[in-house]
Protein backbone atom coordinates (compact mmCIF):
# COMPACT_ATOMS: atom_id res chain seq x y z
CA MET A 1 53.68 63.49 114.79
CA GLU A 2 53.18 64.44 118.29
CA ASN A 3 55.53 61.69 119.26
CA ALA A 4 58.16 62.84 116.58
CA SER A 5 58.28 66.37 117.93
CA LYS A 6 58.77 64.99 121.48
CA ALA A 7 61.62 62.83 120.25
CA LEU A 8 63.20 65.72 118.47
CA LEU A 9 62.82 67.86 121.69
CA MET A 10 64.35 65.10 123.88
CA THR A 11 67.37 64.51 121.21
CA GLY A 12 67.94 68.29 121.16
CA GLY A 13 68.00 68.33 125.05
CA ILE A 14 70.62 65.50 124.91
CA LEU A 15 72.46 67.33 122.70
CA ILE A 16 72.71 70.24 124.37
CA GLY A 17 73.55 68.16 127.58
CA ILE A 18 76.39 66.75 125.88
CA ILE A 19 77.66 70.16 124.38
CA ILE A 20 77.48 71.61 128.11
CA LEU A 21 79.34 68.38 129.37
CA SER A 22 81.92 68.58 126.67
CA LEU A 23 82.48 72.41 127.49
CA GLY A 24 82.96 71.67 131.13
CA VAL A 25 85.49 68.89 130.47
CA TYR A 26 87.25 71.48 128.09
CA LEU A 27 87.49 74.24 130.57
CA PHE A 28 88.75 71.79 133.12
CA SER A 29 91.69 70.39 131.27
CA SER A 30 92.29 73.75 130.00
CA SER A 31 92.75 75.15 133.48
CA SER A 32 94.91 72.17 134.55
CA ARG A 33 97.24 73.06 131.73
CA LEU A 34 97.01 76.60 132.80
CA SER A 35 97.80 75.66 136.66
CA ILE A 36 100.84 73.34 135.35
CA GLN A 37 102.36 76.04 133.47
CA TYR A 38 101.99 78.65 136.44
CA GLN A 39 103.64 75.98 138.63
CA GLU A 40 106.55 75.46 136.15
CA GLN A 41 106.96 79.40 135.64
CA GLN A 42 107.18 79.70 139.44
CA GLN A 43 109.95 77.00 139.85
CA MET A 44 111.90 78.63 137.11
CA GLN A 45 111.58 82.08 139.00
CA GLU A 46 112.75 80.23 141.97
CA ILE A 47 115.78 78.56 140.18
CA GLU A 48 116.64 82.07 138.69
CA GLN A 49 116.73 83.87 142.24
CA ILE A 50 118.86 81.09 143.58
CA ASN A 51 121.29 81.14 140.78
CA SER A 52 121.43 84.96 140.81
CA GLN A 53 123.07 84.88 144.26
CA PHE A 54 125.90 82.74 142.89
CA ALA A 55 126.06 84.18 139.34
CA VAL A 56 127.97 87.60 140.40
CA TYR A 57 131.13 85.69 140.87
CA PRO A 58 132.20 84.53 137.41
CA GLY A 59 134.37 87.20 135.86
CA GLU A 60 135.44 88.50 139.29
CA GLU A 61 139.23 89.04 139.53
CA ASP A 62 139.69 89.53 143.35
CA ILE A 63 137.40 87.44 144.97
CA THR A 64 138.62 87.35 148.85
CA ILE A 65 138.19 84.48 151.11
CA HIS A 66 135.31 86.56 153.00
CA ASP A 67 133.50 86.47 149.54
CA ILE A 68 134.12 82.80 149.47
CA VAL A 69 132.78 82.27 153.02
CA THR A 70 129.76 84.19 151.98
CA VAL A 71 129.18 81.87 149.13
CA VAL A 72 129.62 78.67 151.15
CA ASN A 73 127.27 80.04 153.58
CA LEU A 74 124.49 80.76 150.98
CA ALA A 75 125.23 77.38 149.79
CA LYS A 76 124.82 75.58 153.30
CA GLU A 77 121.55 77.82 153.69
CA GLN A 78 120.05 76.62 150.45
CA ASN A 79 121.09 72.86 151.08
CA GLU A 80 119.37 72.94 154.06
CA SER A 81 116.16 74.26 152.48
CA ASP A 82 116.41 71.75 149.72
CA PRO A 83 118.67 69.02 150.52
CA THR A 84 117.50 66.92 147.33
CA GLU A 85 119.88 69.20 145.12
CA PRO A 86 122.70 70.33 147.20
CA ILE A 87 125.26 73.12 146.03
CA THR A 88 128.71 72.17 146.47
CA VAL A 89 131.57 74.95 146.78
CA ARG A 90 135.09 73.95 146.17
CA MET A 91 138.56 75.44 145.88
CA THR A 92 141.22 74.06 143.78
CA LYS A 93 144.93 73.67 144.85
CA PRO A 94 144.45 72.50 147.50
CA ASN A 95 141.36 70.59 146.50
CA LEU A 96 138.93 71.46 149.28
CA ASP A 97 134.93 70.79 149.62
CA LEU A 98 134.34 73.98 151.38
CA THR A 99 130.75 73.05 151.92
CA ASN A 100 131.30 70.35 154.20
CA MET A 101 133.99 71.81 156.34
CA ASN A 102 133.99 74.50 158.94
CA ILE A 103 134.89 77.36 156.67
CA ASN A 104 136.29 79.59 159.57
CA ASP A 105 139.11 77.10 159.94
CA ILE A 106 140.85 78.14 156.70
CA ILE A 107 140.16 81.59 156.88
CA PRO A 108 143.45 82.55 158.60
CA GLN A 109 145.41 80.69 156.09
CA TYR A 110 143.74 82.63 153.07
CA ILE A 111 143.13 86.02 154.51
CA ASP A 112 145.84 87.67 152.01
CA ALA A 113 144.82 85.56 149.22
CA ASN A 114 142.84 86.20 146.08
CA PHE A 115 140.61 83.80 143.98
CA ILE A 116 138.91 83.71 140.83
CA CYS A 117 135.65 81.70 140.23
CA LYS A 118 136.91 79.12 137.85
CA SER A 119 133.54 77.63 136.81
CA ILE A 120 130.08 77.29 137.91
CA ILE A 121 128.30 73.82 137.07
CA TYR A 122 124.73 73.89 136.44
CA ARG A 123 122.34 70.90 136.67
CA GLU A 124 121.19 69.65 133.21
CA ASN A 125 117.52 68.77 134.55
CA ASN A 126 116.44 72.19 135.67
CA GLY A 127 119.49 74.58 135.40
CA LYS A 128 120.05 74.95 139.27
CA ILE A 129 123.71 75.67 140.33
CA GLN A 130 125.22 72.24 141.22
CA GLU A 131 128.84 73.46 142.07
CA ILE A 132 131.09 76.63 142.12
CA ILE A 133 134.62 76.31 141.83
CA PHE A 134 137.08 78.80 143.03
CA GLU A 135 140.89 78.80 142.29
CA GLN A 136 143.54 80.93 144.11
CA LYS A 137 145.22 83.48 141.90
CA THR A 138 149.04 82.90 141.56
């Protein structure tokens, strides 16, 4: 009888140990998921902040070359901080990739022109701006 009670105590101790160990594993995995969700939320906020700098131009009717210079400089700055997902700024008619040229060279040519933001293309994998396209108003 004495051996049976000792066996029950040992079994109870082992069960309590297993329960504590299981609880520890559960808390660890739960905190890990919470950390991943927090990181994803931070990335989404960062993308929204970047996109908001460019999203003011769609719908604008009287964009000047100086506004475009601002957009190009923002894109270049962003491309320096994250070269894996570059933002391209283009002008149609003529088809110019403004991100890869000295934008100051074309200012005199378009000083009196007005532009519209023809489109903004977003990346499918994360929603970050990939390209912004301007077109000269006729």
